[in-house]
Protein backbone atom coordinates (compact mmCIF):
# COMPACT_ATOMS: atom_id res chain seq x y z
CA UNK A 1 -24.59 -22.55 93.18
CA UNK A 2 -28.81 -23.40 92.09
CA UNK A 3 -30.84 -25.93 91.66
CA UNK A 4 -34.29 -25.76 90.01
CA UNK A 5 -36.61 -28.76 90.29
CA UNK A 6 -38.54 -29.51 87.13
CA UNK A 7 -41.93 -31.52 87.33
CA UNK A 8 -41.53 -34.06 84.43
CA UNK A 9 -45.02 -36.42 82.86
CA UNK A 10 -44.16 -40.66 83.80
CA UNK A 11 -46.47 -40.36 80.85
CA UNK A 12 -44.93 -37.79 78.21
CA UNK A 13 -43.61 -40.29 75.68
CA UNK A 14 -41.57 -37.46 73.08
CA UNK A 15 -42.91 -36.84 69.35
CA UNK A 16 -41.33 -40.32 67.46
CA UNK A 17 -42.15 -38.56 64.25
CA UNK A 18 -41.25 -35.06 65.52
CA UNK A 19 -37.40 -37.01 67.02
CA UNK A 20 -37.14 -38.70 63.66
CA UNK A 21 -37.10 -35.53 61.80
CA UNK A 22 -35.05 -33.43 64.51
CA UNK A 23 -32.44 -35.97 64.18
CA UNK A 24 -31.86 -35.97 60.48
CA UNK A 25 -31.53 -32.22 60.19
CA UNK A 26 -28.86 -32.82 63.11
CA UNK A 27 -27.22 -35.36 60.93
CA UNK A 28 -27.67 -33.15 57.42
CA UNK A 29 -25.70 -30.66 59.02
CA UNK A 30 -22.61 -32.77 59.72
CA UNK A 31 -22.85 -34.01 56.31
CA UNK A 32 -19.20 -33.01 54.63
CA UNK A 33 -21.02 -32.51 50.53
CA UNK A 34 -18.24 -32.61 47.67
CA UNK A 35 -17.36 -29.69 45.31
CA UNK A 36 -18.69 -28.84 42.04
CA UNK A 37 -16.02 -30.63 40.34
CA UNK A 38 -15.35 -33.69 42.19
CA UNK A 39 -18.87 -33.89 41.25
CA UNK A 40 -19.34 -33.51 38.16
CA UNK A 41 -16.25 -36.28 37.63
CA UNK A 42 -17.87 -38.79 39.74
CA UNK A 43 -20.57 -38.54 37.57
CA UNK A 44 -17.69 -38.80 34.45
CA UNK A 45 -16.94 -41.95 35.79
CA UNK A 46 -20.35 -43.21 35.96
CA UNK A 47 -21.50 -42.48 32.81
CA UNK A 48 -17.95 -44.61 32.01
CA UNK A 49 -18.12 -47.31 33.70
CA UNK A 50 -22.26 -47.43 32.88
CA UNK A 51 -21.27 -47.09 28.85
CA UNK A 52 -18.91 -49.84 29.92
CA UNK A 53 -20.36 -52.61 31.31
CA UNK A 54 -23.49 -51.73 28.58
CA UNK A 55 -21.45 -52.53 25.81
CA UNK A 56 -20.13 -55.59 27.38
CA UNK A 57 -23.58 -56.64 27.94
CA UNK A 58 -24.14 -56.01 24.17
CA UNK A 59 -21.67 -57.98 22.72
CA UNK A 60 -22.44 -60.97 25.29
CA UNK A 61 -25.85 -60.86 24.25
CA UNK A 62 -24.69 -61.11 20.81
CA UNK A 63 -23.10 -63.84 20.99
CA UNK A 64 -25.54 -65.82 22.62
CA UNK A 65 -27.97 -65.05 20.04
CA UNK A 66 -25.87 -66.43 16.76
CA UNK A 67 -25.57 -69.33 19.38
CA UNK A 68 -28.73 -69.20 19.58
CA UNK A 69 -29.21 -69.27 15.56
CA UNK A 70 -26.29 -71.39 14.82
CA UNK A 71 -27.43 -74.13 17.36
CA UNK A 72 -31.37 -73.88 15.55
């Protein structure tokens, strides 16, 4: 067994920005990306829910507008 002595500087501080990008790229390699079909399906779910919520809000807006006009 051979030991190699290294000389480390006491005042050495790694560049935090470079370390951030190294860590970020390391984590990106671990990501499991969804398939094309799954992405399309989930996109349609988001669009559908958005349309549903938008429709419900439009109905409530119409009801409140009608109520306010009746009160005036």
